Amino acid sequence: MSYPILFSPGPVEIIIIVLVILLLFGGRKIPELMRGLGRGLKEFKSAQKDDADDSVDNEKAEKDKNELQQ
């Protein structure tokens, strides 16, 4: 027995959503919102990369520490 997909927006629904967003925020505000979203994503990715780099550095430090103790 297959279950139907509960929500799958078609082209008409997407157009309605875009029109509602335009009505709520206006044409001038949307580029500012998208710019802020882009900056937030860029900051998130750089923080994620820095965290990954820190974990690699910590692993190297632990390895060096273990080698010195032996």
C-alpha atoms as a PDB file:
ATOM      1  CA  MET A   1       0.000   0.000   0.000  1.00  0.00           C
ATOM      2  CA  SER A   2       1.490   3.334  -0.984  1.00  0.00           C
ATOM      3  CA  TYR A   3       0.898   6.532   0.902  1.00  0.00           C
ATOM      4  CA  PRO A   4       0.316   9.813  -0.932  1.00  0.00           C
ATOM      5  CA  ILE A   5       2.720  12.686  -0.431  1.00  0.00           C
ATOM      6  CA  LEU A   6       1.122  15.062   2.048  1.00  0.00           C
ATOM      7  CA  PHE A   7       2.396  18.325   0.618  1.00  0.00           C
ATOM      8  CA  SER A   8       4.037  18.830  -2.725  1.00  0.00           C
ATOM      9  CA  PRO A   9       3.647  22.400  -3.972  1.00  0.00           C
ATOM     10  CA  GLY A  10       2.907  22.717  -7.643  1.00  0.00           C
ATOM     11  CA  PRO A  11       3.550  25.739  -9.870  1.00  0.00           C
ATOM     12  CA  VAL A  12       0.304  27.463  -8.880  1.00  0.00           C
ATOM     13  CA  GLU A  13       1.050  27.151  -5.158  1.00  0.00           C
ATOM     14  CA  ILE A  14       4.592  28.460  -5.646  1.00  0.00           C
ATOM     15  CA  ILE A  15       3.284  31.495  -7.551  1.00  0.00           C
ATOM     16  CA  ILE A  16       0.760  32.183  -4.773  1.00  0.00           C
ATOM     17  CA  ILE A  17       3.505  31.935  -2.115  1.00  0.00           C
ATOM     18  CA  VAL A  18       5.737  34.344  -4.066  1.00  0.00           C
ATOM     19  CA  LEU A  19       2.870  36.823  -4.452  1.00  0.00           C
ATOM     20  CA  VAL A  20       2.079  36.681  -0.730  1.00  0.00           C
ATOM     21  CA  ILE A  21       5.752  37.323   0.097  1.00  0.00           C
ATOM     22  CA  LEU A  22       5.771  40.289  -2.292  1.00  0.00           C
ATOM     23  CA  LEU A  23       2.654  41.691  -0.654  1.00  0.00           C
ATOM     24  CA  LEU A  24       4.036  41.241   2.862  1.00  0.00           C
ATOM     25  CA  PHE A  25       7.530  42.616   2.345  1.00  0.00           C
ATOM     26  CA  GLY A  26       7.327  44.735  -0.787  1.00  0.00           C
ATOM     27  CA  GLY A  27       9.687  44.764  -3.743  1.00  0.00           C
ATOM     28  CA  ARG A  28      12.340  46.926  -2.078  1.00  0.00           C
ATOM     29  CA  LYS A  29      12.700  44.870   1.071  1.00  0.00           C
ATOM     30  CA  ILE A  30      13.246  41.465  -0.570  1.00  0.00           C
ATOM     31  CA  PRO A  31      16.792  42.166  -1.895  1.00  0.00           C
ATOM     32  CA  GLU A  32      17.800  43.328   1.589  1.00  0.00           C
ATOM     33  CA  LEU A  33      16.373  40.157   3.119  1.00  0.00           C
ATOM     34  CA  MET A  34      18.196  37.962   0.602  1.00  0.00           C
ATOM     35  CA  ARG A  35      21.459  39.855   1.167  1.00  0.00           C
ATOM     36  CA  GLY A  36      21.161  39.290   4.905  1.00  0.00           C
ATOM     37  CA  LEU A  37      20.391  35.619   4.343  1.00  0.00           C
ATOM     38  CA  GLY A  38      23.467  35.279   2.118  1.00  0.00           C
ATOM     39  CA  ARG A  39      25.695  36.927   4.708  1.00  0.00           C
ATOM     40  CA  GLY A  40      24.334  34.636   7.400  1.00  0.00           C
ATOM     41  CA  LEU A  41      24.996  31.524   5.302  1.00  0.00           C
ATOM     42  CA  LYS A  42      28.515  32.742   4.507  1.00  0.00           C
ATOM     43  CA  GLU A  43      29.234  33.319   8.199  1.00  0.00           C
ATOM     44  CA  PHE A  44      27.810  29.906   9.107  1.00  0.00           C
ATOM     45  CA  LYS A  45      29.958  28.133   6.523  1.00  0.00           C
ATOM     46  CA  SER A  46      33.118  29.933   7.623  1.00  0.00           C
ATOM     47  CA  ALA A  47      32.419  29.095  11.276  1.00  0.00           C
ATOM     48  CA  GLN A  48      31.808  25.482  10.318  1.00  0.00           C
ATOM     49  CA  LYS A  49      35.098  25.388   8.399  1.00  0.00           C
ATOM     50  CA  ASP A  50      36.981  26.981  11.306  1.00  0.00           C
ATOM     51  CA  ASP A  51      35.500  24.400  13.676  1.00  0.00           C
ATOM     52  CA  ALA A  52      36.617  21.569  11.385  1.00  0.00           C
ATOM     53  CA  ASP A  53      40.124  23.066  11.178  1.00  0.00           C
ATOM     54  CA  ASP A  54      40.266  23.341  14.977  1.00  0.00           C
ATOM     55  CA  SER A  55      39.300  19.702  15.407  1.00  0.00           C
ATOM     56  CA  VAL A  56      42.068  18.631  12.989  1.00  0.00           C
ATOM     57  CA  ASP A  57      44.578  20.764  14.918  1.00  0.00           C
ATOM     58  CA  ASN A  58      43.420  19.223  18.215  1.00  0.00           C
ATOM     59  CA  GLU A  59      43.842  15.716  16.821  1.00  0.00           C
ATOM     60  CA  LYS A  60      47.398  16.543  15.672  1.00  0.00           C
ATOM     61  CA  ALA A  61      48.235  17.997  19.083  1.00  0.00           C
ATOM     62  CA  GLU A  62      46.933  14.890  20.854  1.00  0.00           C
ATOM     63  CA  LYS A  63      48.942  12.647  18.525  1.00  0.00           C
ATOM     64  CA  ASP A  64      52.131  14.668  19.110  1.00  0.00           C
ATOM     65  CA  LYS A  65      51.520  14.603  22.863  1.00  0.00           C
ATOM     66  CA  ASN A  66      51.100  10.823  22.835  1.00  0.00           C
ATOM     67  CA  GLU A  67      54.272  10.362  20.790  1.00  0.00           C
ATOM     68  CA  LEU A  68      56.270  12.493  23.208  1.00  0.00           C
ATOM     69  CA  GLN A  69      55.028  10.499  26.204  1.00  0.00           C
ATOM     70  CA  GLN A  70      56.123   7.193  24.691  1.00  0.00           C
END
